[in-house]
C-alpha atoms as a PDB file:
ATOM      1  CA  MET A   1     -68.207 268.463 125.535  1.00  0.00           C
ATOM      2  CA  TRP A   2     -69.219 272.102 125.665  1.00  0.00           C
ATOM      3  CA  LEU A   3     -70.777 271.733 122.274  1.00  0.00           C
ATOM      4  CA  THR A   4     -72.862 268.803 123.444  1.00  0.00           C
ATOM      5  CA  LEU A   5     -74.081 270.708 126.523  1.00  0.00           C
ATOM      6  CA  ALA A   6     -75.072 273.681 124.457  1.00  0.00           C
ATOM      7  CA  LEU A   7     -76.937 271.585 121.878  1.00  0.00           C
ATOM      8  CA  SER A   8     -78.673 269.642 124.626  1.00  0.00           C
ATOM      9  CA  GLU A   9     -79.865 272.890 126.139  1.00  0.00           C
ATOM     10  CA  LEU A  10     -81.069 274.227 122.823  1.00  0.00           C
ATOM     11  CA  ILE A  11     -82.858 271.121 121.754  1.00  0.00           C
ATOM     12  CA  GLY A  12     -84.365 270.674 125.167  1.00  0.00           C
ATOM     13  CA  PHE A  13     -85.654 274.186 125.252  1.00  0.00           C
ATOM     14  CA  LEU A  14     -87.199 273.864 121.808  1.00  0.00           C
ATOM     15  CA  LEU A  15     -88.909 270.566 122.807  1.00  0.00           C
ATOM     16  CA  LYS A  16     -90.252 272.098 126.023  1.00  0.00           C
ATOM     17  CA  ILE A  17     -91.799 274.931 123.959  1.00  0.00           C
ATOM     18  CA  THR A  18     -93.201 272.493 121.439  1.00  0.00           C
ATOM     19  CA  ALA A  19     -94.669 269.954 123.869  1.00  0.00           C
ATOM     20  CA  GLN A  20     -95.706 272.331 126.710  1.00  0.00           C
ATOM     21  CA  ARG A  21     -96.302 269.527 129.142  1.00  0.00           C
ATOM     22  CA  GLN A  22     -97.206 270.514 132.658  1.00  0.00           C
ATOM     23  CA  ARG A  23     -95.151 269.270 135.587  1.00  0.00           C
ATOM     24  CA  PRO A  24     -96.620 266.845 138.065  1.00  0.00           C
ATOM     25  CA  PHE A  25     -97.153 269.388 140.781  1.00  0.00           C
ATOM     26  CA  GLN A  26     -99.025 271.659 138.350  1.00  0.00           C
ATOM     27  CA  LEU A  27    -101.484 268.814 137.792  1.00  0.00           C
ATOM     28  CA  GLY A  28    -102.074 268.431 141.515  1.00  0.00           C
ATOM     29  CA  LEU A  29     -99.914 265.329 142.000  1.00  0.00           C
ATOM     30  CA  VAL A  30     -97.661 264.820 145.039  1.00  0.00           C
ATOM     31  CA  SER A  31     -94.555 266.960 145.019  1.00  0.00           C
ATOM     32  CA  ILE A  32     -91.818 267.645 147.496  1.00  0.00           C
ATOM     33  CA  ILE A  33     -90.303 270.843 145.965  1.00  0.00           C
ATOM     34  CA  GLY A  34     -92.367 271.277 142.896  1.00  0.00           C
ATOM     35  CA  ALA A  35     -93.251 274.821 143.400  1.00  0.00           C
ATOM     36  CA  MET A  36     -89.559 275.755 143.029  1.00  0.00           C
ATOM     37  CA  GLU A  37     -89.502 274.651 139.459  1.00  0.00           C
ATOM     38  CA  ASN A  38     -90.661 276.853 136.613  1.00  0.00           C
ATOM     39  CA  GLY A  39     -91.440 275.984 133.002  1.00  0.00           C
ATOM     40  CA  PHE A  40     -92.599 272.889 131.220  1.00  0.00           C
ATOM     41  CA  SER A  41     -91.741 269.292 132.150  1.00  0.00           C
ATOM     42  CA  PHE A  42     -90.984 267.448 128.832  1.00  0.00           C
ATOM     43  CA  PRO A  43     -88.076 266.571 128.373  1.00  0.00           C
ATOM     44  CA  SER A  44     -85.976 266.791 131.503  1.00  0.00           C
ATOM     45  CA  LEU A  45     -83.033 269.088 130.881  1.00  0.00           C
ATOM     46  CA  HIS A  46     -81.162 267.692 133.958  1.00  0.00           C
ATOM     47  CA  ALA A  47     -81.370 264.242 132.361  1.00  0.00           C
ATOM     48  CA  MET A  48     -80.380 265.477 128.904  1.00  0.00           C
ATOM     49  CA  LEU A  49     -77.319 267.353 130.276  1.00  0.00           C
ATOM     50  CA  VAL A  50     -76.041 264.623 132.663  1.00  0.00           C
ATOM     51  CA  PHE A  51     -76.524 261.825 129.979  1.00  0.00           C
ATOM     52  CA  SER A  52     -75.029 263.918 127.199  1.00  0.00           C
ATOM     53  CA  VAL A  53     -71.590 264.023 128.885  1.00  0.00           C
ATOM     54  CA  ILE A  54     -71.414 260.221 129.607  1.00  0.00           C
ATOM     55  CA  PRO A  55     -69.931 259.315 126.175  1.00  0.00           C
ATOM     56  CA  PHE A  56     -67.073 262.008 126.751  1.00  0.00           C
ATOM     57  CA  LEU A  57     -66.392 261.002 130.330  1.00  0.00           C
ATOM     58  CA  SER A  58     -66.397 257.295 129.447  1.00  0.00           C
ATOM     59  CA  LYS A  59     -64.015 257.791 126.576  1.00  0.00           C
ATOM     60  CA  GLU A  60     -61.546 259.741 128.625  1.00  0.00           C
ATOM     61  CA  ASN A  61     -61.697 257.552 131.724  1.00  0.00           C
ATOM     62  CA  LYS A  62     -63.030 254.067 131.002  1.00  0.00           C
ATOM     63  CA  LYS A  63     -62.542 252.784 134.637  1.00  0.00           C
ATOM     64  CA  PHE A  64     -65.172 255.232 135.856  1.00  0.00           C
ATOM     65  CA  ARG A  65     -67.763 254.623 133.161  1.00  0.00           C
ATOM     66  CA  TYR A  66     -70.186 252.907 135.546  1.00  0.00           C
ATOM     67  CA  VAL A  67     -69.663 255.575 138.145  1.00  0.00           C
ATOM     68  CA  TRP A  68     -70.861 258.210 135.623  1.00  0.00           C
ATOM     69  CA  ILE A  69     -73.841 256.121 134.637  1.00  0.00           C
ATOM     70  CA  VAL A  70     -74.826 255.562 138.297  1.00  0.00           C
ATOM     71  CA  PHE A  71     -74.420 259.241 139.013  1.00  0.00           C
ATOM     72  CA  ALA A  72     -76.674 260.126 135.999  1.00  0.00           C
ATOM     73  CA  CYS A  73     -79.306 257.588 137.103  1.00  0.00           C
ATOM     74  CA  LEU A  74     -79.268 259.159 140.649  1.00  0.00           C
ATOM     75  CA  VAL A  75     -79.850 262.610 139.109  1.00  0.00           C
ATOM     76  CA  VAL A  76     -82.741 261.191 136.950  1.00  0.00           C
ATOM     77  CA  PHE A  77     -84.276 259.418 139.969  1.00  0.00           C
ATOM     78  CA  SER A  78     -84.149 262.619 141.992  1.00  0.00           C
ATOM     79  CA  ARG A  79     -86.158 264.486 139.400  1.00  0.00           C
ATOM     80  CA  ILE A  80     -88.942 261.929 139.590  1.00  0.00           C
ATOM     81  CA  TYR A  81     -88.708 261.550 143.483  1.00  0.00           C
ATOM     82  CA  LEU A  82     -88.981 265.388 143.885  1.00  0.00           C
ATOM     83  CA  GLY A  83     -92.084 265.400 141.754  1.00  0.00           C
ATOM     84  CA  VAL A  84     -90.877 267.806 139.123  1.00  0.00           C
ATOM     85  CA  HIS A  85     -90.767 265.302 136.209  1.00  0.00           C
ATOM     86  CA  PHE A  86     -92.685 262.254 134.979  1.00  0.00           C
ATOM     87  CA  LEU A  87     -90.858 259.048 134.214  1.00  0.00           C
ATOM     88  CA  SER A  88     -91.302 259.637 130.396  1.00  0.00           C
ATOM     89  CA  ASP A  89     -89.754 263.134 130.744  1.00  0.00           C
ATOM     90  CA  VAL A  90     -86.490 261.765 132.175  1.00  0.00           C
ATOM     91  CA  ILE A  91     -86.318 258.748 129.947  1.00  0.00           C
ATOM     92  CA  ALA A  92     -86.750 260.955 126.865  1.00  0.00           C
ATOM     93  CA  GLY A  93     -84.195 263.476 128.179  1.00  0.00           C
ATOM     94  CA  ALA A  94     -81.651 260.702 128.889  1.00  0.00           C
ATOM     95  CA  LEU A  95     -82.074 259.115 125.465  1.00  0.00           C
ATOM     96  CA  ILE A  96     -81.809 262.311 123.584  1.00  0.00           C
ATOM     97  CA  GLY A  97     -78.811 263.601 125.653  1.00  0.00           C
ATOM     98  CA  TYR A  98     -76.871 260.270 125.461  1.00  0.00           C
ATOM     99  CA  THR A  99     -77.599 260.015 121.624  1.00  0.00           C
ATOM    100  CA  LEU A 100     -76.442 263.590 121.048  1.00  0.00           C
ATOM    101  CA  GLY A 101     -73.244 263.020 123.083  1.00  0.00           C
ATOM    102  CA  TYR A 102     -72.536 259.704 121.366  1.00  0.00           C
ATOM    103  CA  PHE A 103     -72.859 261.200 117.837  1.00  0.00           C
ATOM    104  CA  ILE A 104     -70.641 264.142 118.686  1.00  0.00           C
ATOM    105  CA  VAL A 105     -67.946 261.945 120.137  1.00  0.00           C
ATOM    106  CA  ARG A 106     -68.170 259.754 117.035  1.00  0.00           C
ATOM    107  CA  SER A 107     -67.873 262.740 114.662  1.00  0.00           C
ATOM    108  CA  VAL A 108     -64.848 264.108 116.627  1.00  0.00           C
ATOM    109  CA  GLU A 109     -63.188 260.632 116.465  1.00  0.00           C
ATOM    110  CA  LYS A 110     -63.469 260.577 112.633  1.00  0.00           C
ATOM    111  CA  ARG A 111     -61.632 263.762 112.364  1.00  0.00           C
END
């Protein structure tokens, strides 16, 4: 799980530098706490991190799989609601994070 979190952080950082997309509040759109966030918007690192651990948590405790997914969706929703990310930022972050976590879990299972 730590490897997934580290890789998510690294990939997200590299994508942010490459895309250099401004945050909604930097474009003059409505924001609740936007001024507290620094850096670029795309992709959402919060979404990447929270979705990257879902495959691990789901594998270890299948009963709570939907709890983890609901929690991750609430985190993603909060990023949009607070005005620090666009919808595309969190969708991309969630897809990248989950995919990364899934492939790492699969590679560990093969060993």
